[in-house]
Amino acid sequence: TVTGHEQAPAHVSALLFRFKTVFDDVQKDQNIHVEFN
């Protein structure tokens, strides 16, 4: 669980959303249970 992304610079927040996509895709495509919130 990641907090504080709204206080971080916009490019940092955008990167974190890309991280979330990677984790979501791993869970969906590889059936590996990892969460990134």
Full PDB file with SEQRES, HELIX, SHEET, SSBOND, CRYST1, ORIGX, SCALE, CONECT and MASTER records, all heavy atoms in Angstrom:
SEQRES   1 A   37  THR VAL THR GLY HIS GLU GLN ALA PRO ALA HIS VAL SER          
SEQRES   2 A   37  ALA LEU LEU PHE ARG PHE LYS THR VAL PHE ASP ASP VAL          
SEQRES   3 A   37  GLN LYS ASP GLN ASN ILE HIS VAL GLU PHE ASN                  
HELIX    1 AA1 ALA A   10  GLN A   30  1                                  21    
CRYST1    1.000    1.000    1.000  90.00  90.00  90.00 P 1           1          
ORIGX1      1.000000  0.000000  0.000000        0.00000                         
ORIGX2      0.000000  1.000000  0.000000        0.00000                         
ORIGX3      0.000000  0.000000  1.000000        0.00000                         
SCALE1      1.000000  0.000000  0.000000        0.00000                         
SCALE2      0.000000  1.000000  0.000000        0.00000                         
SCALE3      0.000000  0.000000  1.000000        0.00000                         
ATOM      1  N   THR A   1       0.861  -1.182   0.000  1.00  0.00           N  
ATOM      2  CA  THR A   1       0.000   0.000   0.000  1.00  0.00           C  
ATOM      3  C   THR A   1       0.893   1.227   0.000  1.00  0.00           C  
ATOM      4  O   THR A   1       1.788   1.347   0.845  1.00  0.00           O  
ATOM      5  CB  THR A   1      -0.921   0.014   1.236  1.00  0.00           C  
ATOM      6  OG1 THR A   1      -1.762  -1.141   1.177  1.00  0.00           O  
ATOM      7  CG2 THR A   1      -1.773   1.271   1.263  1.00  0.00           C  
ATOM      8  N   VAL A   2       0.651   2.110  -0.943  1.00  0.00           N  
ATOM      9  CA  VAL A   2       1.454   3.325  -1.086  1.00  0.00           C  
ATOM     10  C   VAL A   2       0.600   4.525  -0.704  1.00  0.00           C  
ATOM     11  O   VAL A   2      -0.498   4.716  -1.224  1.00  0.00           O  
ATOM     12  CB  VAL A   2       1.964   3.471  -2.542  1.00  0.00           C  
ATOM     13  CG1 VAL A   2       2.744   4.762  -2.705  1.00  0.00           C  
ATOM     14  CG2 VAL A   2       2.811   2.271  -2.927  1.00  0.00           C  
ATOM     15  N   THR A   3       1.119   5.318   0.203  1.00  0.00           N  
ATOM     16  CA  THR A   3       0.454   6.554   0.604  1.00  0.00           C  
ATOM     17  C   THR A   3       1.335   7.738   0.226  1.00  0.00           C  
ATOM     18  O   THR A   3       2.522   7.581  -0.029  1.00  0.00           O  
ATOM     19  CB  THR A   3       0.188   6.580   2.125  1.00  0.00           C  
ATOM     20  OG1 THR A   3       1.446   6.500   2.817  1.00  0.00           O  
ATOM     21  CG2 THR A   3      -0.722   5.432   2.543  1.00  0.00           C  
ATOM     22  N   GLY A   4       0.728   8.904   0.189  1.00  0.00           N  
ATOM     23  CA  GLY A   4       1.476  10.130  -0.061  1.00  0.00           C  
ATOM     24  C   GLY A   4       1.709  10.453  -1.516  1.00  0.00           C  
ATOM     25  O   GLY A   4       2.354  11.459  -1.825  1.00  0.00           O  
ATOM     26  N   HIS A   5       1.171   9.653  -2.435  1.00  0.00           N  
ATOM     27  CA  HIS A   5       1.441   9.924  -3.853  1.00  0.00           C  
ATOM     28  C   HIS A   5       0.807  11.230  -4.310  1.00  0.00           C  
ATOM     29  O   HIS A   5       1.299  11.863  -5.240  1.00  0.00           O  
ATOM     30  CB  HIS A   5       1.005   8.753  -4.735  1.00  0.00           C  
ATOM     31  CG  HIS A   5      -0.466   8.590  -4.878  1.00  0.00           C  
ATOM     32  ND1 HIS A   5      -1.170   9.149  -5.897  1.00  0.00           N  
ATOM     33  CD2 HIS A   5      -1.359   7.933  -4.106  1.00  0.00           C  
ATOM     34  CE1 HIS A   5      -2.447   8.847  -5.760  1.00  0.00           C  
ATOM     35  NE2 HIS A   5      -2.577   8.099  -4.679  1.00  0.00           N  
ATOM     36  N   GLU A   6      -0.246  11.657  -3.635  1.00  0.00           N  
ATOM     37  CA  GLU A   6      -0.877  12.930  -4.021  1.00  0.00           C  
ATOM     38  C   GLU A   6      -0.034  14.133  -3.604  1.00  0.00           C  
ATOM     39  O   GLU A   6      -0.167  15.210  -4.173  1.00  0.00           O  
ATOM     40  CB  GLU A   6      -2.278  13.010  -3.433  1.00  0.00           C  
ATOM     41  CG  GLU A   6      -3.219  11.987  -4.053  1.00  0.00           C  
ATOM     42  CD  GLU A   6      -4.585  11.964  -3.400  1.00  0.00           C  
ATOM     43  OE1 GLU A   6      -4.728  12.455  -2.257  1.00  0.00           O  
ATOM     44  OE2 GLU A   6      -5.508  11.434  -4.033  1.00  0.00           O  
ATOM     45  N   GLN A   7       0.838  13.956  -2.615  1.00  0.00           N  
ATOM     46  CA  GLN A   7       1.723  15.039  -2.184  1.00  0.00           C  
ATOM     47  C   GLN A   7       3.030  15.061  -2.981  1.00  0.00           C  
ATOM     48  O   GLN A   7       3.737  16.055  -2.976  1.00  0.00           O  
ATOM     49  CB  GLN A   7       2.063  14.897  -0.686  1.00  0.00           C  
ATOM     50  CG  GLN A   7       0.909  15.175   0.240  1.00  0.00           C  
ATOM     51  CD  GLN A   7      -0.058  14.002   0.362  1.00  0.00           C  
ATOM     52  OE1 GLN A   7       0.344  12.861   0.238  1.00  0.00           O  
ATOM     53  NE2 GLN A   7      -1.321  14.296   0.597  1.00  0.00           N  
ATOM     54  N   ALA A   8       3.334  13.970  -3.649  1.00  0.00           N  
ATOM     55  CA  ALA A   8       4.570  13.869  -4.436  1.00  0.00           C  
ATOM     56  C   ALA A   8       4.396  14.632  -5.756  1.00  0.00           C  
ATOM     57  O   ALA A   8       3.270  14.912  -6.176  1.00  0.00           O  
ATOM     58  CB  ALA A   8       4.888  12.399  -4.699  1.00  0.00           C  
ATOM     59  N   PRO A   9       5.498  14.962  -6.418  1.00  0.00           N  
ATOM     60  CA  PRO A   9       5.404  15.614  -7.731  1.00  0.00           C  
ATOM     61  C   PRO A   9       4.586  14.772  -8.718  1.00  0.00           C  
ATOM     62  O   PRO A   9       4.526  13.543  -8.595  1.00  0.00           O  
ATOM     63  CB  PRO A   9       6.860  15.724  -8.181  1.00  0.00           C  
ATOM     64  CG  PRO A   9       7.659  15.692  -6.924  1.00  0.00           C  
ATOM     65  CD  PRO A   9       6.895  14.795  -5.990  1.00  0.00           C  
ATOM     66  N   ALA A  10       3.994  15.425  -9.684  1.00  0.00           N  
ATOM     67  CA  ALA A  10       3.106  14.763 -10.644  1.00  0.00           C  
ATOM     68  C   ALA A  10       3.797  13.605 -11.362  1.00  0.00           C  
ATOM     69  O   ALA A  10       3.186  12.555 -11.579  1.00  0.00           O  
ATOM     70  CB  ALA A  10       2.574  15.776 -11.654  1.00  0.00           C  
ATOM     71  N   HIS A  11       5.070  13.770 -11.744  1.00  0.00           N  
ATOM     72  CA  HIS A  11       5.763  12.687 -12.456  1.00  0.00           C  
ATOM     73  C   HIS A  11       5.988  11.468 -11.554  1.00  0.00           C  
ATOM     74  O   HIS A  11       6.004  10.339 -12.027  1.00  0.00           O  
ATOM     75  CB  HIS A  11       7.078  13.176 -13.082  1.00  0.00           C  
ATOM     76  CG  HIS A  11       8.097  13.628 -12.085  1.00  0.00           C  
ATOM     77  ND1 HIS A  11       8.087  14.883 -11.530  1.00  0.00           N  
ATOM     78  CD2 HIS A  11       9.154  12.982 -11.543  1.00  0.00           C  
ATOM     79  CE1 HIS A  11       9.087  15.003 -10.684  1.00  0.00           C  
ATOM     80  NE2 HIS A  11       9.754  13.859 -10.671  1.00  0.00           N  
ATOM     81  N   VAL A  12       6.130  11.675 -10.252  1.00  0.00           N  
ATOM     82  CA  VAL A  12       6.259  10.565  -9.306  1.00  0.00           C  
ATOM     83  C   VAL A  12       4.926   9.838  -9.180  1.00  0.00           C  
ATOM     84  O   VAL A  12       4.866   8.609  -9.229  1.00  0.00           O  
ATOM     85  CB  VAL A  12       6.760  11.069  -7.934  1.00  0.00           C  
ATOM     86  CG1 VAL A  12       6.621  10.000  -6.864  1.00  0.00           C  
ATOM     87  CG2 VAL A  12       8.205  11.546  -8.038  1.00  0.00           C  
ATOM     88  N   SER A  13       3.864  10.600  -9.057  1.00  0.00           N  
ATOM     89  CA  SER A  13       2.526  10.005  -8.964  1.00  0.00           C  
ATOM     90  C   SER A  13       2.203   9.213 -10.235  1.00  0.00           C  
ATOM     91  O   SER A  13       1.675   8.094 -10.167  1.00  0.00           O  
ATOM     92  CB  SER A  13       1.487  11.087  -8.716  1.00  0.00           C  
ATOM     93  OG  SER A  13       0.231  10.523  -8.448  1.00  0.00           O  
ATOM     94  N   ALA A  14       2.552   9.763 -11.381  1.00  0.00           N  
ATOM     95  CA  ALA A  14       2.304   9.065 -12.653  1.00  0.00           C  
ATOM     96  C   ALA A  14       3.076   7.748 -12.708  1.00  0.00           C  
ATOM     97  O   ALA A  14       2.547   6.734 -13.171  1.00  0.00           O  
ATOM     98  CB  ALA A  14       2.680   9.963 -13.825  1.00  0.00           C  
ATOM     99  N   LEU A  15       4.315   7.743 -12.238  1.00  0.00           N  
ATOM    100  CA  LEU A  15       5.106   6.516 -12.213  1.00  0.00           C  
ATOM    101  C   LEU A  15       4.455   5.476 -11.314  1.00  0.00           C  
ATOM    102  O   LEU A  15       4.405   4.294 -11.650  1.00  0.00           O  
ATOM    103  CB  LEU A  15       6.532   6.805 -11.741  1.00  0.00           C  
ATOM    104  CG  LEU A  15       7.443   5.592 -11.587  1.00  0.00           C  
ATOM    105  CD1 LEU A  15       7.610   4.850 -12.919  1.00  0.00           C  
ATOM    106  CD2 LEU A  15       8.791   6.011 -11.017  1.00  0.00           C  
ATOM    107  N   LEU A  16       3.922   5.897 -10.200  1.00  0.00           N  
ATOM    108  CA  LEU A  16       3.276   4.954  -9.288  1.00  0.00           C  
ATOM    109  C   LEU A  16       2.042   4.314  -9.924  1.00  0.00           C  
ATOM    110  O   LEU A  16       1.770   3.133  -9.702  1.00  0.00           O  
ATOM    111  CB  LEU A  16       2.916   5.652  -7.979  1.00  0.00           C  
ATOM    112  CG  LEU A  16       4.135   5.969  -7.111  1.00  0.00           C  
ATOM    113  CD1 LEU A  16       3.796   7.009  -6.067  1.00  0.00           C  
ATOM    114  CD2 LEU A  16       4.676   4.700  -6.468  1.00  0.00           C  
ATOM    115  N   PHE A  17       1.312   5.060 -10.729  1.00  0.00           N  
ATOM    116  CA  PHE A  17       0.181   4.469 -11.445  1.00  0.00           C  
ATOM    117  C   PHE A  17       0.670   3.441 -12.474  1.00  0.00           C  
ATOM    118  O   PHE A  17       0.005   2.430 -12.708  1.00  0.00           O  
ATOM    119  CB  PHE A  17      -0.686   5.549 -12.092  1.00  0.00           C  
ATOM    120  CG  PHE A  17      -1.640   6.180 -11.121  1.00  0.00           C  
ATOM    121  CD1 PHE A  17      -1.341   7.395 -10.529  1.00  0.00           C  
ATOM    122  CD2 PHE A  17      -2.833   5.554 -10.781  1.00  0.00           C  
ATOM    123  CE1 PHE A  17      -2.212   7.971  -9.617  1.00  0.00           C  
ATOM    124  CE2 PHE A  17      -3.714   6.117  -9.875  1.00  0.00           C  
ATOM    125  CZ  PHE A  17      -3.401   7.337  -9.285  1.00  0.00           C  
ATOM    126  N   ARG A  18       1.835   3.674 -13.046  1.00  0.00           N  
ATOM    127  CA  ARG A  18       2.417   2.692 -13.969  1.00  0.00           C  
ATOM    128  C   ARG A  18       2.853   1.441 -13.204  1.00  0.00           C  
ATOM    129  O   ARG A  18       2.694   0.316 -13.688  1.00  0.00           O  
ATOM    130  CB  ARG A  18       3.570   3.314 -14.739  1.00  0.00           C  
ATOM    131  CG  ARG A  18       3.059   4.407 -15.699  1.00  0.00           C  
ATOM    132  CD  ARG A  18       4.145   5.147 -16.410  1.00  0.00           C  
ATOM    133  NE  ARG A  18       4.910   4.260 -17.274  1.00  0.00           N  
ATOM    134  CZ  ARG A  18       6.125   4.545 -17.719  1.00  0.00           C  
ATOM    135  NH1 ARG A  18       6.708   5.685 -17.390  1.00  0.00           N  
ATOM    136  NH2 ARG A  18       6.758   3.706 -18.499  1.00  0.00           N  
ATOM    137  N   PHE A  19       3.401   1.623 -11.985  1.00  0.00           N  
ATOM    138  CA  PHE A  19       3.724   0.487 -11.129  1.00  0.00           C  
ATOM    139  C   PHE A  19       2.466  -0.326 -10.859  1.00  0.00           C  
ATOM    140  O   PHE A  19       2.485  -1.547 -10.927  1.00  0.00           O  
ATOM    141  CB  PHE A  19       4.292   0.971  -9.784  1.00  0.00           C  
ATOM    142  CG  PHE A  19       5.774   1.148  -9.751  1.00  0.00           C  
ATOM    143  CD1 PHE A  19       6.412   2.000 -10.632  1.00  0.00           C  
ATOM    144  CD2 PHE A  19       6.531   0.492  -8.815  1.00  0.00           C  
ATOM    145  CE1 PHE A  19       7.773   2.186 -10.582  1.00  0.00           C  
ATOM    146  CE2 PHE A  19       7.900   0.673  -8.747  1.00  0.00           C  
ATOM    147  CZ  PHE A  19       8.513   1.514  -9.633  1.00  0.00           C  
ATOM    148  N   LYS A  20       1.386   0.360 -10.526  1.00  0.00           N  
ATOM    149  CA  LYS A  20       0.129  -0.328 -10.237  1.00  0.00           C  
ATOM    150  C   LYS A  20      -0.305  -1.172 -11.425  1.00  0.00           C  
ATOM    151  O   LYS A  20      -0.745  -2.310 -11.258  1.00  0.00           O  
ATOM    152  CB  LYS A  20      -0.965   0.657  -9.848  1.00  0.00           C  
ATOM    153  CG  LYS A  20      -2.301  -0.041  -9.600  1.00  0.00           C  
ATOM    154  CD  LYS A  20      -3.224   0.751  -8.757  1.00  0.00           C  
ATOM    155  CE  LYS A  20      -4.555   0.064  -8.526  1.00  0.00           C  
ATOM    156  NZ  LYS A  20      -4.488  -1.339  -8.159  1.00  0.00           N  
ATOM    157  N   THR A  21      -0.171  -0.636 -12.630  1.00  0.00           N  
ATOM    158  CA  THR A  21      -0.529  -1.382 -13.833  1.00  0.00           C  
ATOM    159  C   THR A  21       0.315  -2.651 -13.957  1.00  0.00           C  
ATOM    160  O   THR A  21      -0.213  -3.723 -14.292  1.00  0.00           O  
ATOM    161  CB  THR A  21      -0.361  -0.498 -15.085  1.00  0.00           C  
ATOM    162  OG1 THR A  21      -1.241   0.623 -14.962  1.00  0.00           O  
ATOM    163  CG2 THR A  21      -0.674  -1.256 -16.356  1.00  0.00           C  
ATOM    164  N   VAL A  22       1.607  -2.557 -13.678  1.00  0.00           N  
ATOM    165  CA  VAL A  22       2.471  -3.737 -13.745  1.00  0.00           C  
ATOM    166  C   VAL A  22       1.991  -4.793 -12.757  1.00  0.00           C  
ATOM    167  O   VAL A  22       1.818  -5.965 -13.112  1.00  0.00           O  
ATOM    168  CB  VAL A  22       3.952  -3.366 -13.478  1.00  0.00           C  
ATOM    169  CG1 VAL A  22       4.804  -4.618 -13.278  1.00  0.00           C  
ATOM    170  CG2 VAL A  22       4.500  -2.512 -14.607  1.00  0.00           C  
ATOM    171  N   PHE A  23       1.764  -4.396 -11.514  1.00  0.00           N  
ATOM    172  CA  PHE A  23       1.311  -5.347 -10.501  1.00  0.00           C  
ATOM    173  C   PHE A  23      -0.043  -5.943 -10.874  1.00  0.00           C  
ATOM    174  O   PHE A  23      -0.257  -7.155 -10.733  1.00  0.00           O  
ATOM    175  CB  PHE A  23       1.243  -4.680  -9.131  1.00  0.00           C  
ATOM    176  CG  PHE A  23       2.562  -4.627  -8.412  1.00  0.00           C  
ATOM    177  CD1 PHE A  23       3.497  -3.649  -8.724  1.00  0.00           C  
ATOM    178  CD2 PHE A  23       2.865  -5.540  -7.416  1.00  0.00           C  
ATOM    179  CE1 PHE A  23       4.706  -3.581  -8.058  1.00  0.00           C  
ATOM    180  CE2 PHE A  23       4.075  -5.486  -6.752  1.00  0.00           C  
ATOM    181  CZ  PHE A  23       5.004  -4.509  -7.069  1.00  0.00           C  
ATOM    182  N   ASP A  24      -0.963  -5.121 -11.352  1.00  0.00           N  
ATOM    183  CA  ASP A  24      -2.285  -5.621 -11.765  1.00  0.00           C  
ATOM    184  C   ASP A  24      -2.160  -6.609 -12.916  1.00  0.00           C  
ATOM    185  O   ASP A  24      -2.824  -7.650 -12.927  1.00  0.00           O  
ATOM    186  CB  ASP A  24      -3.205  -4.466 -12.172  1.00  0.00           C  
ATOM    187  CG  ASP A  24      -3.646  -3.601 -11.008  1.00  0.00           C  
ATOM    188  OD1 ASP A  24      -3.430  -3.988  -9.832  1.00  0.00           O  
ATOM    189  OD2 ASP A  24      -4.206  -2.513 -11.275  1.00  0.00           O  
ATOM    190  N   ASP A  25      -1.295  -6.302 -13.878  1.00  0.00           N  
ATOM    191  CA  ASP A  25      -1.101  -7.200 -15.019  1.00  0.00           C  
ATOM    192  C   ASP A  25      -0.445  -8.516 -14.603  1.00  0.00           C  
ATOM    193  O   ASP A  25      -0.802  -9.577 -15.119  1.00  0.00           O  
ATOM    194  CB  ASP A  25      -0.273  -6.520 -16.113  1.00  0.00           C  
ATOM    195  CG  ASP A  25      -1.039  -5.429 -16.848  1.00  0.00           C  
ATOM    196  OD1 ASP A  25      -2.266  -5.324 -16.661  1.00  0.00           O  
ATOM    197  OD2 ASP A  25      -0.390  -4.683 -17.606  1.00  0.00           O  
ATOM    198  N   VAL A  26       0.495  -8.453 -13.670  1.00  0.00           N  
ATOM    199  CA  VAL A  26       1.114  -9.684 -13.166  1.00  0.00           C  
ATOM    200  C   VAL A  26       0.051 -10.569 -12.533  1.00  0.00           C  
ATOM    201  O   VAL A  26       0.001 -11.776 -12.780  1.00  0.00           O  
ATOM    202  CB  VAL A  26       2.233  -9.363 -12.148  1.00  0.00           C  
ATOM    203  CG1 VAL A  26       2.608 -10.598 -11.334  1.00  0.00           C  
ATOM    204  CG2 VAL A  26       3.460  -8.796 -12.840  1.00  0.00           C  
ATOM    205  N   GLN A  27      -0.799  -9.955 -11.732  1.00  0.00           N  
ATOM    206  CA  GLN A  27      -1.836 -10.739 -11.059  1.00  0.00           C  
ATOM    207  C   GLN A  27      -2.812 -11.351 -12.070  1.00  0.00           C  
ATOM    208  O   GLN A  27      -3.159 -12.525 -11.983  1.00  0.00           O  
ATOM    209  CB  GLN A  27      -2.585  -9.864 -10.043  1.00  0.00           C  
ATOM    210  CG  GLN A  27      -3.555 -10.651  -9.194  1.00  0.00           C  
ATOM    211  CD  GLN A  27      -3.909  -9.924  -7.927  1.00  0.00           C  
ATOM    212  OE1 GLN A  27      -3.545 -10.391  -6.861  1.00  0.00           O  
ATOM    213  NE2 GLN A  27      -4.610  -8.823  -8.021  1.00  0.00           N  
ATOM    214  N   LYS A  28      -3.205 -10.556 -13.066  1.00  0.00           N  
ATOM    215  CA  LYS A  28      -4.181 -11.021 -14.051  1.00  0.00           C  
ATOM    216  C   LYS A  28      -3.564 -12.010 -15.044  1.00  0.00           C  
ATOM    217  O   LYS A  28      -4.119 -13.087 -15.276  1.00  0.00           O  
ATOM    218  CB  LYS A  28      -4.754  -9.818 -14.811  1.00  0.00           C  
ATOM    219  CG  LYS A  28      -5.814 -10.176 -15.839  1.00  0.00           C  
ATOM    220  CD  LYS A  28      -6.322  -8.944 -16.543  1.00  0.00           C  
ATOM    221  CE  LYS A  28      -5.294  -8.548 -17.572  1.00  0.00           C  
ATOM    222  NZ  LYS A  28      -5.647  -7.474 -18.451  1.00  0.00           N  
ATOM    223  N   ASP A  29      -2.423 -11.672 -15.615  1.00  0.00           N  
ATOM    224  CA  ASP A  29      -1.844 -12.471 -16.695  1.00  0.00           C  
ATOM    225  C   ASP A  29      -1.053 -13.683 -16.212  1.00  0.00           C  
ATOM    226  O   ASP A  29      -0.991 -14.693 -16.899  1.00  0.00           O  
ATOM    227  CB  ASP A  29      -0.925 -11.612 -17.569  1.00  0.00           C  
ATOM    228  CG  ASP A  29      -1.656 -10.471 -18.257  1.00  0.00           C  
ATOM    229  OD1 ASP A  29      -2.898 -10.505 -18.323  1.00  0.00           O  
ATOM    230  OD2 ASP A  29      -0.975  -9.541 -18.717  1.00  0.00           O  
ATOM    231  N   GLN A  30      -0.429 -13.562 -15.058  1.00  0.00           N  
ATOM    232  CA  GLN A  30       0.437 -14.633 -14.553  1.00  0.00           C  
ATOM    233  C   GLN A  30      -0.172 -15.382 -13.363  1.00  0.00           C  
ATOM    234  O   GLN A  30       0.429 -16.331 -12.859  1.00  0.00           O  
ATOM    235  CB  GLN A  30       1.799 -14.063 -14.135  1.00  0.00           C  
ATOM    236  CG  GLN A  30       2.530 -13.358 -15.255  1.00  0.00           C  
ATOM    237  CD  GLN A  30       2.944 -14.313 -16.344  1.00  0.00           C  
ATOM    238  OE1 GLN A  30       3.470 -15.382 -16.083  1.00  0.00           O  
ATOM    239  NE2 GLN A  30       2.698 -13.927 -17.586  1.00  0.00           N  
ATOM    240  N   ASN A  31      -1.324 -14.903 -12.893  1.00  0.00           N  
ATOM    241  CA  ASN A  31      -2.000 -15.513 -11.739  1.00  0.00           C  
ATOM    242  C   ASN A  31      -1.080 -15.577 -10.514  1.00  0.00           C  
ATOM    243  O   ASN A  31      -1.040 -16.570  -9.792  1.00  0.00           O  
ATOM    244  CB  ASN A  31      -2.550 -16.897 -12.093  1.00  0.00           C  
ATOM    245  CG  ASN A  31      -3.617 -17.338 -11.123  1.00  0.00           C  
ATOM    246  OD1 ASN A  31      -4.338 -16.510 -10.566  1.00  0.00           O  
ATOM    247  ND2 ASN A  31      -3.737 -18.630 -10.915  1.00  0.00           N  
ATOM    248  N   ILE A  32      -0.316 -14.518 -10.333  1.00  0.00           N  
ATOM    249  CA  ILE A  32       0.567 -14.371  -9.172  1.00  0.00           C  
ATOM    250  C   ILE A  32      -0.085 -13.339  -8.263  1.00  0.00           C  
ATOM    251  O   ILE A  32      -0.362 -12.218  -8.696  1.00  0.00           O  
ATOM    252  CB  ILE A  32       1.980 -13.917  -9.597  1.00  0.00           C  
ATOM    253  CG1 ILE A  32       2.625 -14.983 -10.489  1.00  0.00           C  
ATOM    254  CG2 ILE A  32       2.840 -13.638  -8.375  1.00  0.00           C  
ATOM    255  CD1 ILE A  32       3.943 -14.553 -11.108  1.00  0.00           C  
ATOM    256  N   HIS A  33      -0.323 -13.729  -7.005  1.00  0.00           N  
ATOM    257  CA  HIS A  33      -1.086 -12.856  -6.121  1.00  0.00           C  
ATOM    258  C   HIS A  33      -0.188 -11.780  -5.499  1.00  0.00           C  
ATOM    259  O   HIS A  33       0.479 -12.003  -4.486  1.00  0.00           O  
ATOM    260  CB  HIS A  33      -1.798 -13.658  -5.039  1.00  0.00           C  
ATOM    261  CG  HIS A  33      -2.836 -12.850  -4.345  1.00  0.00           C  
ATOM    262  ND1 HIS A  33      -4.055 -12.582  -4.903  1.00  0.00           N  
ATOM    263  CD2 HIS A  33      -2.810 -12.213  -3.165  1.00  0.00           C  
ATOM    264  CE1 HIS A  33      -4.753 -11.829  -4.083  1.00  0.00           C  
ATOM    265  NE2 HIS A  33      -4.014 -11.586  -3.013  1.00  0.00           N  
ATOM    266  N   VAL A  34      -0.176 -10.631  -6.154  1.00  0.00           N  
ATOM    267  CA  VAL A  34       0.515  -9.439  -5.657  1.00  0.00           C  
ATOM    268  C   VAL A  34      -0.463  -8.267  -5.802  1.00  0.00           C  
ATOM    269  O   VAL A  34      -1.186  -8.182  -6.773  1.00  0.00           O  
ATOM    270  CB  VAL A  34       1.822  -9.149  -6.424  1.00  0.00           C  
ATOM    271  CG1 VAL A  34       2.851 -10.225  -6.137  1.00  0.00           C  
ATOM    272  CG2 VAL A  34       1.590  -9.031  -7.914  1.00  0.00           C  
ATOM    273  N   GLU A  35      -0.469  -7.413  -4.813  1.00  0.00           N  
ATOM    274  CA  GLU A  35      -1.332  -6.240  -4.840  1.00  0.00           C  
ATOM    275  C   GLU A  35      -0.477  -4.985  -4.678  1.00  0.00           C  
ATOM    276  O   GLU A  35       0.480  -4.977  -3.927  1.00  0.00           O  
ATOM    277  CB  GLU A  35      -2.364  -6.298  -3.714  1.00  0.00           C  
ATOM    278  CG  GLU A  35      -3.333  -7.438  -3.825  1.00  0.00           C  
ATOM    279  CD  GLU A  35      -4.293  -7.489  -2.658  1.00  0.00           C  
ATOM    280  OE1 GLU A  35      -4.211  -6.641  -1.746  1.00  0.00           O  
ATOM    281  OE2 GLU A  35      -5.137  -8.408  -2.636  1.00  0.00           O  
ATOM    282  N   PHE A  36      -0.902  -3.933  -5.360  1.00  0.00           N  
ATOM    283  CA  PHE A  36      -0.247  -2.634  -5.259  1.00  0.00           C  
ATOM    284  C   PHE A  36      -1.364  -1.605  -5.215  1.00  0.00           C  
ATOM    285  O   PHE A  36      -2.078  -1.416  -6.192  1.00  0.00           O  
ATOM    286  CB  PHE A  36       0.659  -2.399  -6.477  1.00  0.00           C  
ATOM    287  CG  PHE A  36       1.581  -1.232  -6.340  1.00  0.00           C  
ATOM    288  CD1 PHE A  36       2.800  -1.363  -5.702  1.00  0.00           C  
ATOM    289  CD2 PHE A  36       1.230   0.007  -6.861  1.00  0.00           C  
ATOM    290  CE1 PHE A  36       3.666  -0.273  -5.598  1.00  0.00           C  
ATOM    291  CE2 PHE A  36       2.077   1.088  -6.750  1.00  0.00           C  
ATOM    292  CZ  PHE A  36       3.303   0.949  -6.127  1.00  0.00           C  
ATOM    293  N   ASN A  37      -1.545  -1.000  -4.058  1.00  0.00           N  
ATOM    294  CA  ASN A  37      -2.664  -0.087  -3.846  1.00  0.00           C  
ATOM    295  C   ASN A  37      -2.170   1.323  -3.569  1.00  0.00           C  
ATOM    296  O   ASN A  37      -1.209   1.514  -2.815  1.00  0.00           O  
ATOM    297  CB  ASN A  37      -3.509  -0.573  -2.667  1.00  0.00           C  
ATOM    298  CG  ASN A  37      -4.012  -1.984  -2.883  1.00  0.00           C  
ATOM    299  OD1 ASN A  37      -4.733  -2.254  -3.822  1.00  0.00           O  
ATOM    300  ND2 ASN A  37      -3.579  -2.902  -2.014  1.00  0.00           N  
TER     301      ASN A  37                                                      
MASTER        0    0    0    1    0    0    0    6  300    1    0    3          
END                                                                             
